[in-house]
């Protein structure tokens, strides 16, 4: 059986998990089947491992704050004719315990052992703290 691996990606332009959720609810962020989709230039070489139950972990304002299961990869041809990878995502955006991450370009693989845990359902409904406060708390290990 294949080992599962996740992807880690910056959510550029999002200030909060709610911003990411609102974007994904827009028609521009959905594929032809109505599912949220993130289009990226590169196709993951470890496709089989990602599709064996992997998720995309979203970094917002320097913190991993949410994840979504990756359902499949679709070929997407851009208006420039270049073939890209469409990550088709489960619409259920799950909040995670905040985990600090430095900025990077593109996406990275994330081993499940290094991924933050999902927040308990009761905590996921709490109001989100300001990003700076979340980062400071995560830095000192307060979850």
Protein backbone atom coordinates (compact mmCIF):
# COMPACT_ATOMS: atom_id res chain seq x y z
CA UNK A 1 0.00 0.00 0.00
CA UNK A 2 1.21 3.51 -0.82
CA UNK A 3 2.21 5.88 1.93
CA UNK A 4 0.08 9.01 2.13
CA UNK A 5 1.67 12.43 1.67
CA UNK A 6 0.10 15.88 1.86
CA UNK A 7 0.74 19.17 0.07
CA UNK A 8 1.50 22.49 1.76
CA UNK A 9 0.54 25.71 -0.05
CA UNK A 10 0.33 29.43 0.69
CA UNK A 11 -3.17 30.85 0.35
CA UNK A 12 -2.11 34.06 -1.36
CA UNK A 13 -4.51 36.93 -0.75
CA UNK A 14 -6.31 35.29 2.17
CA UNK A 15 -6.26 37.07 5.50
CA UNK A 16 -8.39 34.43 7.24
CA UNK A 17 -9.80 30.94 6.72
CA UNK A 18 -13.13 32.65 5.97
CA UNK A 19 -11.47 34.53 3.07
CA UNK A 20 -10.24 31.23 1.62
CA UNK A 21 -13.68 29.69 2.06
CA UNK A 22 -15.38 32.66 0.37
CA UNK A 23 -12.98 32.47 -2.58
CA UNK A 24 -13.59 28.75 -3.00
CA UNK A 25 -17.35 29.35 -2.99
CA UNK A 26 -17.00 31.71 -5.98
CA UNK A 27 -17.62 30.47 -9.52
CA UNK A 28 -14.05 31.38 -10.54
CA UNK A 29 -12.59 28.92 -8.02
CA UNK A 30 -14.71 25.96 -9.12
CA UNK A 31 -14.11 23.41 -11.81
CA UNK A 32 -16.72 22.33 -14.37
CA UNK A 33 -18.14 19.86 -11.82
CA UNK A 34 -18.72 22.63 -9.25
CA UNK A 35 -16.01 21.37 -6.90
CA UNK A 36 -13.37 23.76 -5.51
CA UNK A 37 -10.21 23.58 -7.56
CA UNK A 38 -6.75 25.07 -7.21
CA UNK A 39 -4.75 25.24 -10.43
CA UNK A 40 -0.97 24.98 -10.20
CA UNK A 41 1.79 24.85 -12.81
CA UNK A 42 3.39 21.59 -11.74
CA UNK A 43 1.91 18.11 -11.51
CA UNK A 44 2.92 16.33 -8.27
CA UNK A 45 5.42 13.56 -8.97
CA UNK A 46 4.11 11.76 -5.90
CA UNK A 47 0.55 11.75 -7.27
CA UNK A 48 -0.28 8.23 -6.06
CA UNK A 49 0.77 9.07 -2.49
CA UNK A 50 -1.21 12.33 -2.45
CA UNK A 51 -4.32 10.60 -3.80
CA UNK A 52 -4.01 7.87 -1.15
CA UNK A 53 -5.82 10.14 1.33
CA UNK A 54 -3.66 13.27 1.28
CA UNK A 55 -4.81 16.82 1.95
CA UNK A 56 -3.67 20.29 1.01
CA UNK A 57 -2.67 22.30 4.07
CA UNK A 58 -3.22 26.04 3.66
CA UNK A 59 -0.75 28.59 5.05
CA UNK A 60 -2.48 31.89 5.80
CA UNK A 61 -0.47 34.86 7.10
CA UNK A 62 2.47 32.63 8.10
CA UNK A 63 0.42 29.91 9.80
CA UNK A 64 -1.03 26.60 8.66
CA UNK A 65 -4.68 27.15 9.60
CA UNK A 66 -6.75 24.77 7.46
CA UNK A 67 -6.72 21.72 5.25
CA UNK A 68 -8.82 20.06 2.59
CA UNK A 69 -8.72 16.52 1.24
CA UNK A 70 -7.45 16.29 -2.32
CA UNK A 71 -9.93 14.23 -4.34
CA UNK A 72 -8.20 14.07 -7.72
CA UNK A 73 -6.00 15.90 -10.23
CA UNK A 74 -7.51 17.24 -13.44
CA UNK A 75 -5.66 18.47 -16.50
CA UNK A 76 -6.38 22.17 -17.03
CA UNK A 77 -5.29 23.97 -20.19
CA UNK A 78 -4.74 27.68 -19.60
CA UNK A 79 -5.67 30.45 -22.02
CA UNK A 80 -1.97 30.41 -22.98
CA UNK A 81 -2.31 26.77 -24.10
CA UNK A 82 -0.09 25.44 -21.30
CA UNK A 83 -1.26 22.28 -19.52
CA UNK A 84 -1.54 22.66 -15.73
CA UNK A 85 -2.65 20.56 -12.76
CA UNK A 86 -6.04 21.25 -11.19
CA UNK A 87 -6.16 20.04 -7.59
CA UNK A 88 -9.81 19.11 -7.06
CA UNK A 89 -10.62 19.63 -3.38
CA UNK A 90 -13.22 18.39 -0.94
CA UNK A 91 -15.40 21.45 -0.21
CA UNK A 92 -15.15 20.68 3.54
CA UNK A 93 -12.45 23.10 4.76
CA UNK A 94 -11.19 21.84 8.13
CA UNK A 95 -9.44 24.17 10.57
CA UNK A 96 -6.16 22.95 12.02
CA UNK A 97 -4.12 23.86 15.03
CA UNK A 98 -2.02 26.89 14.02
CA UNK A 99 1.49 25.92 12.92
CA UNK A 100 4.04 28.58 11.90
CA UNK A 101 5.51 28.34 8.39
CA UNK A 102 7.90 30.60 6.53
CA UNK A 103 6.96 31.89 3.10
CA UNK A 104 7.84 29.76 0.07
CA UNK A 105 6.84 29.56 -3.57
CA UNK A 106 4.71 26.87 -5.15
CA UNK A 107 3.78 23.95 -2.95
CA UNK A 108 5.73 21.51 -0.80
CA UNK A 109 5.18 17.94 0.27
CA UNK A 110 4.16 17.54 3.92
CA UNK A 111 4.62 14.26 5.74
CA UNK A 112 1.54 13.34 7.82
CA UNK A 113 3.75 13.15 10.94
CA UNK A 114 4.63 16.85 10.49
CA UNK A 115 1.09 18.05 9.76
CA UNK A 116 -0.88 19.98 12.38
CA UNK A 117 -3.87 18.24 13.91
CA UNK A 118 -7.42 19.23 13.07
CA UNK A 119 -9.09 21.45 15.64
CA UNK A 120 -11.80 19.80 17.70
CA UNK A 121 -15.25 20.61 16.31
CA UNK A 122 -16.02 22.88 19.28
CA UNK A 123 -12.82 24.90 18.71
CA UNK A 124 -13.32 25.15 14.94
CA UNK A 125 -16.47 27.22 15.54
CA UNK A 126 -14.67 29.74 17.77
CA UNK A 127 -13.93 33.22 16.46
CA UNK A 128 -10.51 33.38 14.87
CA UNK A 129 -7.85 35.35 16.73
CA UNK A 130 -5.92 38.04 14.84
CA UNK A 131 -3.10 36.48 12.74
CA UNK A 132 -0.31 38.14 14.75
CA UNK A 133 -1.68 36.79 18.03
CA UNK A 134 -2.16 33.32 16.53
CA UNK A 135 1.43 33.35 15.30
CA UNK A 136 2.77 34.43 18.69
CA UNK A 137 0.79 31.74 20.51
CA UNK A 138 1.82 29.04 18.03
CA UNK A 139 5.46 30.11 18.34
CA UNK A 140 5.42 29.46 22.10
CA UNK A 141 3.45 26.23 21.72
CA UNK A 142 0.03 27.40 22.90
CA UNK A 143 -2.67 25.75 20.83
